[in-house]
Each structure stands twice: as structure tokens, then as C-alpha cells.
Amino acid sequence: MATILSAAAPPQRDQQPESEPGRSRERVLGVFRATPFTYATLIVVSAVLCVPLVFVVSIALASDQTVNANTFTIFPREFHWENFTRVFGTDLPMQRFLLNSVIISTGAVIGQVLSSGLVGYAFARLRAPGKNTLFIVVLATMMIPAQITMIPQFILFKELGWVNTYLPLIVPNFFSNAFNVFLVRQFVSRLPSEIDEAAMVDGLGFFGIYRRIMLPMLSPVLIAIGIFTLTATWGDFMGPLIYLNDETKMPLALGVQYITSTSAALQAPPWNLVMVGSILLTLPMILVYYLGQRYLYEMDISGGSAGVK
């Protein structure tokens, strides 16, 4: 009986080799472990980088006498919170500027998300002759400076009758851009192709697979594209300056610049109101990045595993 029990018992495994990789990983992680000096350095660097933002807030809270005397300080000594309401009481339609920024940015984000997802998925999954060559051509457009295409685009939109409308600022986003297509294509390439094959067996076509299966998995990269597009369009100055002539159609980025022209001759511009407008331009971007930072992390680090989970 003792012989049978000893034969039935599973062989004892040597646990020593399994613990070696664990200790090796601990040693590797120990090299990058943060120290008090690391945190102190990060705090100092963060404080230095926050100085311009603190200076903007200090000027925004300053009085008109301080603006005229040009006696600004980095840290605020005055707290005139009414400046945040005065900026909407000027002769300029600041409420309309803010609404125009929302309209343009929302349209641009919708266009980039819809087009980038479809085009990137097509480059990653569809089989077509010359697909790789076409993808290289698309990536090559990233090397073309925007200043080169500025005049041809203006002539095109002028012939279409789109000048002084929102269309030149929104419609091009429905054709995506090379960078966003590259992001989606690389993200989809990391997903297992067996998912598409199983969906095809169930009878789904290209758009069905994209809408029902791939679109939920692409949420991190599509949200990241939306954040990038919102950042680019919310503070865009050159595009509206070229295509918009009507003051009531201008976004907040141009409106902040127009505040400087409200001062009388030989008088300093109302820098406190200008800085209030700058804060209105900055706060939405800070809020968007704060709420969407985990999606940026998933897009960069997970490489598609977040969508599979």
C-alpha cells in the first residue's frame, strides 16, 4: 500500500527555478523605484511649469488701476472676481464667441472620429492591391507643411462659396488625417484577426463587424483622437482668421484677440479681461485631459488589450 501511495503521489517540483524570475523582476523594478529625491524633483519642475499659469490668474484677478500702472505680480494680491463676468459685458459678443468654438470643435471631433475609425480599420483589415503603397502615400502627407496647402485650400473653398462659413473648418475633418489613420491602423493591427473571421462566419459584413465588434474595442483610440482634435480646433487661431470675416461667427480664440482692440487710443489694453478669456480657453482643455487621460494611457500602453477585455 505504501508503494502504491508513493507511486500515485505527484512528483514534487523544484520551486527554486520558478522563484528566480520573480526575484529578477524585483531587481529590475527596484532600479526604477521612485525615491524621495524623485518626488522632490517632480514637485520642483511642476512648480516651475505652473508659474505662467499662476501669472495668468494673477493678471485676470487684477484691477483696472493695476493694469494701467502695469504693476503685475506673479502671485495675486487682488481678487476681483467680477472680471469673469465683466468679460461678457463688453461690446464684443463673448457668449457668441464661446458658442462658435463649441460648434466648430464639436463638428471637427465628430468628423475625425467617424472618418479615422473607418479608414484606419480598412487599412488594417481589408485586402486590396496597392494597399500598403497607398498607406505609405497617406503617411507621406504628414511631411507636407500646412503653409504649402494653405493658398490652394483657400482658393478651393472660395470657389465652393464656403468662405465666411463654418464649413472650411469642419468639413475637412470628415476626411481624417494621416496621423489619426495611423493610430487606428496600428491599434487594429494588434487585435486578433480571428475576431473578424468569427463575425464573418456569423454573416456580418465589413460595416457590421466595424459597428458591432470593432467600434467598442476602438473606444480608447477614438476618444484619444477626439481629445487631440478638440485641442487643435478649440484654440485654433489661423483657420478662423483666414476663412471667417463676420464677427458673430468667430470663435473664442479670435475673440480673445479682439478684446485687446477695445481699449482707447494710447491706453493699455484690458489685460485682466484678456487673461480671463485665456483662462476660458485653457480650462476646458485641462478638464478634457483630466477626464480622458486613462483613455490616452490605454491607447498607448494596452495596445488593444483594453478593448478585448
C-alpha atoms as a PDB file:
ATOM      1  CA  MET A   1       0.000   0.000   0.000  1.00  0.00           C
ATOM      2  CA  ALA A   2       2.847   2.373   0.791  1.00  0.00           C
ATOM      3  CA  THR A   3       4.327   1.629  -2.598  1.00  0.00           C
ATOM      4  CA  ILE A   4       1.023   2.393  -4.350  1.00  0.00           C
ATOM      5  CA  LEU A   5       0.567   5.669  -2.456  1.00  0.00           C
ATOM      6  CA  SER A   6       4.094   6.773  -3.212  1.00  0.00           C
ATOM      7  CA  ALA A   7       3.582   5.988  -6.881  1.00  0.00           C
ATOM      8  CA  ALA A   8       0.254   7.832  -7.025  1.00  0.00           C
ATOM      9  CA  ALA A   9       1.566  10.919  -5.309  1.00  0.00           C
ATOM     10  CA  PRO A  10       2.508  13.648  -7.787  1.00  0.00           C
ATOM     11  CA  PRO A  11       6.188  14.325  -8.086  1.00  0.00           C
ATOM     12  CA  GLN A  12       7.484  17.202  -6.090  1.00  0.00           C
ATOM     13  CA  ARG A  13       8.566  20.104  -8.294  1.00  0.00           C
ATOM     14  CA  ASP A  14      11.572  22.135  -7.539  1.00  0.00           C
ATOM     15  CA  GLN A  15      10.248  25.605  -6.734  1.00  0.00           C
ATOM     16  CA  GLN A  16      13.644  27.239  -6.873  1.00  0.00           C
ATOM     17  CA  PRO A  17      13.729  27.880 -10.652  1.00  0.00           C
ATOM     18  CA  GLU A  18      10.263  29.482 -10.518  1.00  0.00           C
ATOM     19  CA  SER A  19      11.318  31.939  -7.859  1.00  0.00           C
ATOM     20  CA  GLU A  20      14.385  33.068  -9.774  1.00  0.00           C
ATOM     21  CA  PRO A  21      12.460  35.035 -12.440  1.00  0.00           C
ATOM     22  CA  GLY A  22      10.397  36.676  -9.704  1.00  0.00           C
ATOM     23  CA  ARG A  23      13.499  37.845  -7.917  1.00  0.00           C
ATOM     24  CA  SER A  24      14.932  39.003 -11.212  1.00  0.00           C
ATOM     25  CA  ARG A  25      11.838  41.111 -11.914  1.00  0.00           C
ATOM     26  CA  GLU A  26      12.020  42.598  -8.441  1.00  0.00           C
ATOM     27  CA  ARG A  27      15.627  43.590  -9.019  1.00  0.00           C
ATOM     28  CA  VAL A  28      14.704  45.205 -12.345  1.00  0.00           C
ATOM     29  CA  LEU A  29      11.782  47.083 -10.832  1.00  0.00           C
ATOM     30  CA  GLY A  30      13.964  48.163  -7.966  1.00  0.00           C
ATOM     31  CA  VAL A  31      16.148  50.120 -10.386  1.00  0.00           C
ATOM     32  CA  PHE A  32      13.146  52.287 -11.415  1.00  0.00           C
ATOM     33  CA  ARG A  33      11.622  52.593  -7.966  1.00  0.00           C
ATOM     34  CA  ALA A  34      10.885  56.213  -7.079  1.00  0.00           C
ATOM     35  CA  THR A  35      12.840  57.789  -4.258  1.00  0.00           C
ATOM     36  CA  PRO A  36      12.152  60.929  -2.190  1.00  0.00           C
ATOM     37  CA  PHE A  37      14.589  62.748  -4.458  1.00  0.00           C
ATOM     38  CA  THR A  38      12.474  61.746  -7.482  1.00  0.00           C
ATOM     39  CA  TYR A  39       9.324  63.186  -5.945  1.00  0.00           C
ATOM     40  CA  ALA A  40      11.158  66.341  -4.866  1.00  0.00           C
ATOM     41  CA  THR A  41      12.449  66.844  -8.415  1.00  0.00           C
ATOM     42  CA  LEU A  42       8.971  66.352  -9.884  1.00  0.00           C
ATOM     43  CA  ILE A  43       7.483  68.833  -7.437  1.00  0.00           C
ATOM     44  CA  VAL A  44      10.099  71.479  -8.271  1.00  0.00           C
ATOM     45  CA  VAL A  45       9.707  71.013 -12.027  1.00  0.00           C
ATOM     46  CA  SER A  46       5.904  71.102 -11.750  1.00  0.00           C
ATOM     47  CA  ALA A  47       6.050  74.297  -9.722  1.00  0.00           C
ATOM     48  CA  VAL A  48       8.263  75.963 -12.335  1.00  0.00           C
ATOM     49  CA  LEU A  49       5.940  74.896 -15.152  1.00  0.00           C
ATOM     50  CA  CYS A  50       2.902  76.225 -13.267  1.00  0.00           C
ATOM     51  CA  VAL A  51       4.366  79.713 -12.850  1.00  0.00           C
ATOM     52  CA  PRO A  52       2.967  81.047 -16.182  1.00  0.00           C
ATOM     53  CA  LEU A  53      -0.499  79.730 -15.321  1.00  0.00           C
ATOM     54  CA  VAL A  54      -0.355  81.339 -11.873  1.00  0.00           C
ATOM     55  CA  PHE A  55       0.753  84.603 -13.504  1.00  0.00           C
ATOM     56  CA  VAL A  56      -2.251  84.453 -15.865  1.00  0.00           C
ATOM     57  CA  VAL A  57      -4.613  84.008 -12.913  1.00  0.00           C
ATOM     58  CA  SER A  58      -2.916  86.891 -11.084  1.00  0.00           C
ATOM     59  CA  ILE A  59      -3.437  89.246 -14.028  1.00  0.00           C
ATOM     60  CA  ALA A  60      -7.035  88.041 -14.502  1.00  0.00           C
ATOM     61  CA  LEU A  61      -7.844  89.000 -10.910  1.00  0.00           C
ATOM     62  CA  ALA A  62      -6.120  92.397 -11.088  1.00  0.00           C
ATOM     63  CA  SER A  63      -7.981  95.700 -11.052  1.00  0.00           C
ATOM     64  CA  ASP A  64      -8.044  98.240 -13.872  1.00  0.00           C
ATOM     65  CA  GLN A  65      -5.725 100.517 -11.889  1.00  0.00           C
ATOM     66  CA  THR A  66      -3.142  97.745 -11.692  1.00  0.00           C
ATOM     67  CA  VAL A  67      -3.480  97.162 -15.434  1.00  0.00           C
ATOM     68  CA  ASN A  68      -2.969 100.839 -16.249  1.00  0.00           C
ATOM     69  CA  ALA A  69       0.002 101.075 -13.878  1.00  0.00           C
ATOM     70  CA  ASN A  70       1.411  97.796 -15.224  1.00  0.00           C
ATOM     71  CA  THR A  71       2.298  96.612 -11.714  1.00  0.00           C
ATOM     72  CA  PHE A  72       1.559  92.930 -12.051  1.00  0.00           C
ATOM     73  CA  THR A  73       2.870  90.278  -9.683  1.00  0.00           C
ATOM     74  CA  ILE A  74       3.265  86.556 -10.127  1.00  0.00           C
ATOM     75  CA  PHE A  75       1.094  85.726  -7.154  1.00  0.00           C
ATOM     76  CA  PRO A  76      -2.225  87.575  -6.963  1.00  0.00           C
ATOM     77  CA  ARG A  77      -2.553  90.428  -4.471  1.00  0.00           C
ATOM     78  CA  GLU A  78      -6.054  91.401  -5.639  1.00  0.00           C
ATOM     79  CA  PHE A  79      -9.084  89.223  -6.123  1.00  0.00           C
ATOM     80  CA  HIS A  80     -11.528  90.974  -8.435  1.00  0.00           C
ATOM     81  CA  TRP A  81     -13.712  88.004  -9.315  1.00  0.00           C
ATOM     82  CA  GLU A  82     -16.112  90.303 -11.124  1.00  0.00           C
ATOM     83  CA  ASN A  83     -13.672  90.308 -14.049  1.00  0.00           C
ATOM     84  CA  PHE A  84     -15.054  86.901 -15.022  1.00  0.00           C
ATOM     85  CA  THR A  85     -18.483  88.478 -15.526  1.00  0.00           C
ATOM     86  CA  ARG A  86     -17.222  91.787 -16.938  1.00  0.00           C
ATOM     87  CA  VAL A  87     -15.679  90.000 -19.885  1.00  0.00           C
ATOM     88  CA  PHE A  88     -19.193  89.090 -21.039  1.00  0.00           C
ATOM     89  CA  GLY A  89     -20.348  92.703 -20.654  1.00  0.00           C
ATOM     90  CA  THR A  90     -18.009  94.217 -23.225  1.00  0.00           C
ATOM     91  CA  ASP A  91     -19.063  95.411 -26.667  1.00  0.00           C
ATOM     92  CA  LEU A  92     -17.882  92.089 -28.094  1.00  0.00           C
ATOM     93  CA  PRO A  93     -20.290  89.112 -28.225  1.00  0.00           C
ATOM     94  CA  MET A  94     -18.234  86.840 -25.980  1.00  0.00           C
ATOM     95  CA  GLN A  95     -21.145  84.447 -25.472  1.00  0.00           C
ATOM     96  CA  ARG A  96     -21.359  84.039 -29.239  1.00  0.00           C
ATOM     97  CA  PHE A  97     -17.598  83.515 -29.485  1.00  0.00           C
ATOM     98  CA  LEU A  98     -17.834  80.724 -26.928  1.00  0.00           C
ATOM     99  CA  LEU A  99     -20.767  79.107 -28.744  1.00  0.00           C
ATOM    100  CA  ASN A 100     -18.932  79.291 -32.066  1.00  0.00           C
ATOM    101  CA  SER A 101     -15.941  77.480 -30.551  1.00  0.00           C
ATOM    102  CA  VAL A 102     -18.250  74.743 -29.284  1.00  0.00           C
ATOM    103  CA  ILE A 103     -19.906  74.349 -32.715  1.00  0.00           C
ATOM    104  CA  ILE A 104     -16.642  74.210 -34.649  1.00  0.00           C
ATOM    105  CA  SER A 105     -14.889  71.904 -32.186  1.00  0.00           C
ATOM    106  CA  THR A 106     -17.843  69.511 -31.931  1.00  0.00           C
ATOM    107  CA  GLY A 107     -18.166  69.211 -35.703  1.00  0.00           C
ATOM    108  CA  ALA A 108     -14.430  68.647 -36.107  1.00  0.00           C
ATOM    109  CA  VAL A 109     -14.333  65.970 -33.400  1.00  0.00           C
ATOM    110  CA  ILE A 110     -17.297  64.093 -34.896  1.00  0.00           C
ATOM    111  CA  GLY A 111     -15.731  64.177 -38.351  1.00  0.00           C
ATOM    112  CA  GLN A 112     -12.315  62.974 -37.224  1.00  0.00           C
ATOM    113  CA  VAL A 113     -13.684  60.164 -35.060  1.00  0.00           C
ATOM    114  CA  LEU A 114     -16.009  58.824 -37.764  1.00  0.00           C
ATOM    115  CA  SER A 115     -13.561  59.020 -40.660  1.00  0.00           C
ATOM    116  CA  SER A 116     -10.407  57.968 -38.803  1.00  0.00           C
ATOM    117  CA  GLY A 117     -12.056  54.842 -37.408  1.00  0.00           C
ATOM    118  CA  LEU A 118     -13.332  53.642 -40.801  1.00  0.00           C
ATOM    119  CA  VAL A 119     -10.192  54.463 -42.787  1.00  0.00           C
ATOM    120  CA  GLY A 120      -7.810  53.047 -40.189  1.00  0.00           C
ATOM    121  CA  TYR A 121      -9.854  49.854 -39.880  1.00  0.00           C
ATOM    122  CA  ALA A 122      -9.908  49.475 -43.668  1.00  0.00           C
ATOM    123  CA  PHE A 123      -6.128  49.816 -43.910  1.00  0.00           C
ATOM    124  CA  ALA A 124      -5.679  47.249 -41.144  1.00  0.00           C
ATOM    125  CA  ARG A 125      -8.152  44.580 -42.276  1.00  0.00           C
ATOM    126  CA  LEU A 126      -9.181  44.920 -45.928  1.00  0.00           C
ATOM    127  CA  ARG A 127      -7.155  43.189 -48.621  1.00  0.00           C
ATOM    128  CA  ALA A 128      -6.691  45.241 -51.756  1.00  0.00           C
ATOM    129  CA  PRO A 129      -3.916  45.577 -54.340  1.00  0.00           C
ATOM    130  CA  GLY A 130      -1.630  48.512 -53.601  1.00  0.00           C
ATOM    131  CA  LYS A 131      -2.987  48.992 -50.091  1.00  0.00           C
ATOM    132  CA  ASN A 132       0.439  49.251 -48.475  1.00  0.00           C
ATOM    133  CA  THR A 133       1.656  51.672 -51.147  1.00  0.00           C
ATOM    134  CA  LEU A 134      -1.395  53.848 -50.626  1.00  0.00           C
ATOM    135  CA  PHE A 135      -0.825  53.768 -46.874  1.00  0.00           C
ATOM    136  CA  ILE A 136       2.745  54.980 -47.374  1.00  0.00           C
ATOM    137  CA  VAL A 137       1.451  57.820 -49.545  1.00  0.00           C
ATOM    138  CA  VAL A 138      -1.017  58.766 -46.812  1.00  0.00           C
ATOM    139  CA  LEU A 139       1.772  58.828 -44.228  1.00  0.00           C
ATOM    140  CA  ALA A 140       3.931  60.900 -46.575  1.00  0.00           C
ATOM    141  CA  THR A 141       1.360  63.692 -46.460  1.00  0.00           C
ATOM    142  CA  MET A 142       2.406  64.290 -42.855  1.00  0.00           C
ATOM    143  CA  MET A 143       5.666  65.754 -44.176  1.00  0.00           C
ATOM    144  CA  ILE A 144       3.877  68.453 -46.199  1.00  0.00           C
ATOM    145  CA  PRO A 145       3.845  71.756 -44.267  1.00  0.00           C
ATOM    146  CA  ALA A 146       0.409  73.274 -43.812  1.00  0.00           C
ATOM    147  CA  GLN A 147       1.659  76.586 -45.239  1.00  0.00           C
ATOM    148  CA  ILE A 148       2.094  74.968 -48.649  1.00  0.00           C
ATOM    149  CA  THR A 149      -1.535  73.865 -48.945  1.00  0.00           C
ATOM    150  CA  MET A 150      -2.995  76.996 -47.335  1.00  0.00           C
ATOM    151  CA  ILE A 151      -3.434  79.035 -50.547  1.00  0.00           C
ATOM    152  CA  PRO A 152      -4.771  76.150 -52.713  1.00  0.00           C
ATOM    153  CA  GLN A 153      -7.264  75.277 -49.990  1.00  0.00           C
ATOM    154  CA  PHE A 154      -8.430  78.877 -49.721  1.00  0.00           C
ATOM    155  CA  ILE A 155      -8.939  79.086 -53.498  1.00  0.00           C
ATOM    156  CA  LEU A 156     -10.885  75.811 -53.439  1.00  0.00           C
ATOM    157  CA  PHE A 157     -13.161  76.877 -50.599  1.00  0.00           C
ATOM    158  CA  LYS A 158     -13.662  80.281 -52.204  1.00  0.00           C
ATOM    159  CA  GLU A 159     -14.820  78.666 -55.439  1.00  0.00           C
ATOM    160  CA  LEU A 160     -17.197  76.489 -53.431  1.00  0.00           C
ATOM    161  CA  GLY A 161     -18.605  79.570 -51.718  1.00  0.00           C
ATOM    162  CA  TRP A 162     -17.595  78.360 -48.261  1.00  0.00           C
ATOM    163  CA  VAL A 163     -15.652  81.459 -47.176  1.00  0.00           C
ATOM    164  CA  ASN A 164     -17.159  83.156 -44.112  1.00  0.00           C
ATOM    165  CA  THR A 165     -18.867  79.914 -43.084  1.00  0.00           C
ATOM    166  CA  TYR A 166     -18.019  77.115 -40.661  1.00  0.00           C
ATOM    167  CA  LEU A 167     -17.668  74.583 -43.487  1.00  0.00           C
ATOM    168  CA  PRO A 168     -13.912  75.058 -44.205  1.00  0.00           C
ATOM    169  CA  LEU A 169     -13.222  74.450 -40.505  1.00  0.00           C
ATOM    170  CA  ILE A 170     -15.471  71.381 -40.137  1.00  0.00           C
ATOM    171  CA  VAL A 171     -15.848  69.510 -43.451  1.00  0.00           C
ATOM    172  CA  PRO A 172     -12.117  68.662 -43.984  1.00  0.00           C
ATOM    173  CA  ASN A 173     -12.195  66.752 -40.701  1.00  0.00           C
ATOM    174  CA  PHE A 174     -14.625  64.243 -42.230  1.00  0.00           C
ATOM    175  CA  PHE A 175     -11.720  63.115 -44.451  1.00  0.00           C
ATOM    176  CA  SER A 176      -9.475  62.371 -41.459  1.00  0.00           C
ATOM    177  CA  ASN A 177      -5.720  62.921 -41.478  1.00  0.00           C
ATOM    178  CA  ALA A 178      -2.668  60.720 -41.753  1.00  0.00           C
ATOM    179  CA  PHE A 179      -1.763  60.771 -38.066  1.00  0.00           C
ATOM    180  CA  ASN A 180      -5.171  59.627 -36.849  1.00  0.00           C
ATOM    181  CA  VAL A 181      -5.391  56.952 -39.546  1.00  0.00           C
ATOM    182  CA  PHE A 182      -2.005  55.659 -38.457  1.00  0.00           C
ATOM    183  CA  LEU A 183      -3.140  55.483 -34.816  1.00  0.00           C
ATOM    184  CA  VAL A 184      -6.266  53.482 -35.637  1.00  0.00           C
ATOM    185  CA  ARG A 185      -4.477  51.214 -38.085  1.00  0.00           C
ATOM    186  CA  GLN A 186      -1.779  50.309 -35.565  1.00  0.00           C
ATOM    187  CA  PHE A 187      -4.373  49.766 -32.842  1.00  0.00           C
ATOM    188  CA  VAL A 188      -6.486  47.447 -35.008  1.00  0.00           C
ATOM    189  CA  SER A 189      -3.410  45.547 -36.200  1.00  0.00           C
ATOM    190  CA  ARG A 190      -2.765  44.425 -32.618  1.00  0.00           C
ATOM    191  CA  LEU A 191      -6.248  42.920 -32.299  1.00  0.00           C
ATOM    192  CA  PRO A 192      -6.568  39.231 -33.263  1.00  0.00           C
ATOM    193  CA  SER A 193      -7.934  38.737 -36.779  1.00  0.00           C
ATOM    194  CA  GLU A 194      -9.889  35.690 -35.593  1.00  0.00           C
ATOM    195  CA  ILE A 195     -12.489  38.113 -34.242  1.00  0.00           C
ATOM    196  CA  ASP A 196     -13.274  39.300 -37.768  1.00  0.00           C
ATOM    197  CA  GLU A 197     -13.275  35.766 -39.138  1.00  0.00           C
ATOM    198  CA  ALA A 198     -15.738  34.588 -36.497  1.00  0.00           C
ATOM    199  CA  ALA A 199     -18.013  37.528 -37.255  1.00  0.00           C
ATOM    200  CA  MET A 200     -17.898  36.748 -40.980  1.00  0.00           C
ATOM    201  CA  VAL A 201     -18.954  33.178 -40.250  1.00  0.00           C
ATOM    202  CA  ASP A 202     -21.978  34.602 -38.407  1.00  0.00           C
ATOM    203  CA  GLY A 203     -22.876  36.585 -41.525  1.00  0.00           C
ATOM    204  CA  LEU A 204     -21.629  40.078 -40.684  1.00  0.00           C
ATOM    205  CA  GLY A 205     -20.152  42.248 -43.401  1.00  0.00           C
ATOM    206  CA  PHE A 206     -17.467  44.918 -43.234  1.00  0.00           C
ATOM    207  CA  PHE A 207     -19.660  47.645 -41.726  1.00  0.00           C
ATOM    208  CA  GLY A 208     -21.393  45.176 -39.421  1.00  0.00           C
ATOM    209  CA  ILE A 209     -18.095  43.973 -37.996  1.00  0.00           C
ATOM    210  CA  TYR A 210     -16.912  47.532 -37.566  1.00  0.00           C
ATOM    211  CA  ARG A 211     -20.106  48.811 -35.918  1.00  0.00           C
ATOM    212  CA  ARG A 212     -20.908  45.858 -33.650  1.00  0.00           C
ATOM    213  CA  ILE A 213     -17.495  44.462 -32.758  1.00  0.00           C
ATOM    214  CA  MET A 214     -14.617  46.775 -33.588  1.00  0.00           C
ATOM    215  CA  LEU A 215     -16.152  50.090 -32.614  1.00  0.00           C
ATOM    216  CA  PRO A 216     -16.447  49.201 -28.886  1.00  0.00           C
ATOM    217  CA  MET A 217     -12.874  47.919 -28.914  1.00  0.00           C
ATOM    218  CA  LEU A 218     -11.639  51.115 -30.581  1.00  0.00           C
ATOM    219  CA  SER A 219     -13.095  53.362 -27.889  1.00  0.00           C
ATOM    220  CA  PRO A 220      -9.688  54.226 -26.289  1.00  0.00           C
ATOM    221  CA  VAL A 221      -8.043  55.294 -29.543  1.00  0.00           C
ATOM    222  CA  LEU A 222     -11.162  57.075 -30.838  1.00  0.00           C
ATOM    223  CA  ILE A 223     -11.537  59.020 -27.604  1.00  0.00           C
ATOM    224  CA  ALA A 224      -7.847  59.918 -27.812  1.00  0.00           C
ATOM    225  CA  ILE A 225      -8.364  61.149 -31.383  1.00  0.00           C
ATOM    226  CA  GLY A 226     -11.307  63.201 -30.166  1.00  0.00           C
ATOM    227  CA  ILE A 227      -9.144  64.778 -27.470  1.00  0.00           C
ATOM    228  CA  PHE A 228      -6.370  65.597 -29.950  1.00  0.00           C
ATOM    229  CA  THR A 229      -8.854  67.112 -32.409  1.00  0.00           C
ATOM    230  CA  LEU A 230     -10.621  69.120 -29.721  1.00  0.00           C
ATOM    231  CA  THR A 231      -7.299  70.525 -28.539  1.00  0.00           C
ATOM    232  CA  ALA A 232      -6.318  71.541 -32.081  1.00  0.00           C
ATOM    233  CA  THR A 233      -9.637  73.159 -33.010  1.00  0.00           C
ATOM    234  CA  TRP A 234     -10.598  74.770 -29.704  1.00  0.00           C
ATOM    235  CA  GLY A 235      -7.558  77.022 -29.708  1.00  0.00           C
ATOM    236  CA  ASP A 236      -7.173  77.288 -33.495  1.00  0.00           C
ATOM    237  CA  PHE A 237      -6.373  80.862 -34.499  1.00  0.00           C
ATOM    238  CA  MET A 238      -5.094  80.692 -38.070  1.00  0.00           C
ATOM    239  CA  GLY A 239      -8.014  78.811 -39.653  1.00  0.00           C
ATOM    240  CA  PRO A 240     -10.811  81.114 -38.423  1.00  0.00           C
ATOM    241  CA  LEU A 241      -8.647  84.147 -39.166  1.00  0.00           C
ATOM    242  CA  ILE A 242      -8.412  83.091 -42.830  1.00  0.00           C
ATOM    243  CA  TYR A 243     -11.947  81.901 -43.530  1.00  0.00           C
ATOM    244  CA  LEU A 244     -14.186  83.952 -41.211  1.00  0.00           C
ATOM    245  CA  ASN A 245     -14.956  87.620 -41.783  1.00  0.00           C
ATOM    246  CA  ASP A 246     -18.146  88.079 -39.796  1.00  0.00           C
ATOM    247  CA  GLU A 247     -17.505  88.925 -36.158  1.00  0.00           C
ATOM    248  CA  THR A 248     -20.528  86.938 -34.990  1.00  0.00           C
ATOM    249  CA  LYS A 249     -19.041  83.741 -36.483  1.00  0.00           C
ATOM    250  CA  MET A 250     -15.604  83.979 -34.903  1.00  0.00           C
ATOM    251  CA  PRO A 251     -14.535  81.533 -32.169  1.00  0.00           C
ATOM    252  CA  LEU A 252     -13.219  82.366 -28.737  1.00  0.00           C
ATOM    253  CA  ALA A 253      -9.570  82.236 -29.842  1.00  0.00           C
ATOM    254  CA  LEU A 254     -10.165  85.217 -32.127  1.00  0.00           C
ATOM    255  CA  GLY A 255     -12.460  86.846 -29.598  1.00  0.00           C
ATOM    256  CA  VAL A 256      -9.685  86.989 -27.006  1.00  0.00           C
ATOM    257  CA  GLN A 257      -7.513  88.801 -29.524  1.00  0.00           C
ATOM    258  CA  TYR A 258     -10.350  91.226 -30.285  1.00  0.00           C
ATOM    259  CA  ILE A 259     -10.523  92.216 -26.610  1.00  0.00           C
ATOM    260  CA  THR A 260      -7.178  93.995 -26.997  1.00  0.00           C
ATOM    261  CA  SER A 261      -8.778  96.345 -29.543  1.00  0.00           C
ATOM    262  CA  THR A 262     -11.449  97.568 -27.123  1.00  0.00           C
ATOM    263  CA  SER A 263      -9.071  99.935 -25.354  1.00  0.00           C
ATOM    264  CA  ALA A 264      -8.972 103.607 -26.235  1.00  0.00           C
ATOM    265  CA  ALA A 265      -6.070 105.232 -28.033  1.00  0.00           C
ATOM    266  CA  LEU A 266      -2.827 105.472 -26.070  1.00  0.00           C
ATOM    267  CA  GLN A 267      -4.351 103.300 -23.370  1.00  0.00           C
ATOM    268  CA  ALA A 268      -3.159  99.896 -22.267  1.00  0.00           C
ATOM    269  CA  PRO A 269      -5.378  97.002 -23.379  1.00  0.00           C
ATOM    270  CA  PRO A 270      -7.508  95.446 -20.641  1.00  0.00           C
ATOM    271  CA  TRP A 271      -5.055  92.667 -19.899  1.00  0.00           C
ATOM    272  CA  ASN A 272      -7.125  91.437 -16.987  1.00  0.00           C
ATOM    273  CA  LEU A 273     -10.054  90.710 -19.333  1.00  0.00           C
ATOM    274  CA  VAL A 274      -7.684  89.229 -21.909  1.00  0.00           C
ATOM    275  CA  MET A 275      -6.359  86.825 -19.303  1.00  0.00           C
ATOM    276  CA  VAL A 276      -9.920  85.934 -18.287  1.00  0.00           C
ATOM    277  CA  GLY A 277     -10.546  84.960 -21.910  1.00  0.00           C
ATOM    278  CA  SER A 278      -7.313  82.972 -21.905  1.00  0.00           C
ATOM    279  CA  ILE A 279      -8.497  81.078 -18.836  1.00  0.00           C
ATOM    280  CA  LEU A 280     -11.766  80.295 -20.616  1.00  0.00           C
ATOM    281  CA  LEU A 281      -9.681  78.852 -23.435  1.00  0.00           C
ATOM    282  CA  THR A 282      -7.490  76.831 -21.087  1.00  0.00           C
ATOM    283  CA  LEU A 283      -9.892  75.373 -18.528  1.00  0.00           C
ATOM    284  CA  PRO A 284     -11.900  73.184 -20.959  1.00  0.00           C
ATOM    285  CA  MET A 285      -8.676  71.605 -22.231  1.00  0.00           C
ATOM    286  CA  ILE A 286      -7.489  70.870 -18.692  1.00  0.00           C
ATOM    287  CA  LEU A 287     -10.855  69.303 -17.888  1.00  0.00           C
ATOM    288  CA  VAL A 288     -10.842  67.208 -21.074  1.00  0.00           C
ATOM    289  CA  TYR A 289      -7.351  65.869 -20.441  1.00  0.00           C
ATOM    290  CA  TYR A 290      -8.192  65.128 -16.823  1.00  0.00           C
ATOM    291  CA  LEU A 291     -11.279  63.119 -17.773  1.00  0.00           C
ATOM    292  CA  GLY A 292      -9.699  61.410 -20.776  1.00  0.00           C
ATOM    293  CA  GLN A 293      -6.196  60.634 -19.541  1.00  0.00           C
ATOM    294  CA  ARG A 294      -6.996  56.979 -18.843  1.00  0.00           C
ATOM    295  CA  TYR A 295      -8.059  56.516 -22.469  1.00  0.00           C
ATOM    296  CA  LEU A 296      -4.784  58.030 -23.629  1.00  0.00           C
ATOM    297  CA  TYR A 297      -2.973  55.591 -21.364  1.00  0.00           C
ATOM    298  CA  GLU A 298      -4.963  52.616 -22.682  1.00  0.00           C
ATOM    299  CA  MET A 299      -4.302  53.635 -26.273  1.00  0.00           C
ATOM    300  CA  ASP A 300      -0.572  53.930 -25.736  1.00  0.00           C
ATOM    301  CA  ILE A 301       0.120  51.075 -23.342  1.00  0.00           C
ATOM    302  CA  SER A 302      -2.589  48.436 -23.711  1.00  0.00           C
ATOM    303  CA  GLY A 303      -2.284  48.174 -27.465  1.00  0.00           C
ATOM    304  CA  GLY A 304      -5.783  46.808 -27.877  1.00  0.00           C
ATOM    305  CA  SER A 305      -5.965  44.576 -24.820  1.00  0.00           C
ATOM    306  CA  ALA A 306      -8.321  47.026 -23.095  1.00  0.00           C
ATOM    307  CA  GLY A 307     -10.838  46.565 -25.877  1.00  0.00           C
ATOM    308  CA  VAL A 308     -10.531  42.770 -25.779  1.00  0.00           C
ATOM    309  CA  LYS A 309     -11.134  42.721 -22.032  1.00  0.00           C
END
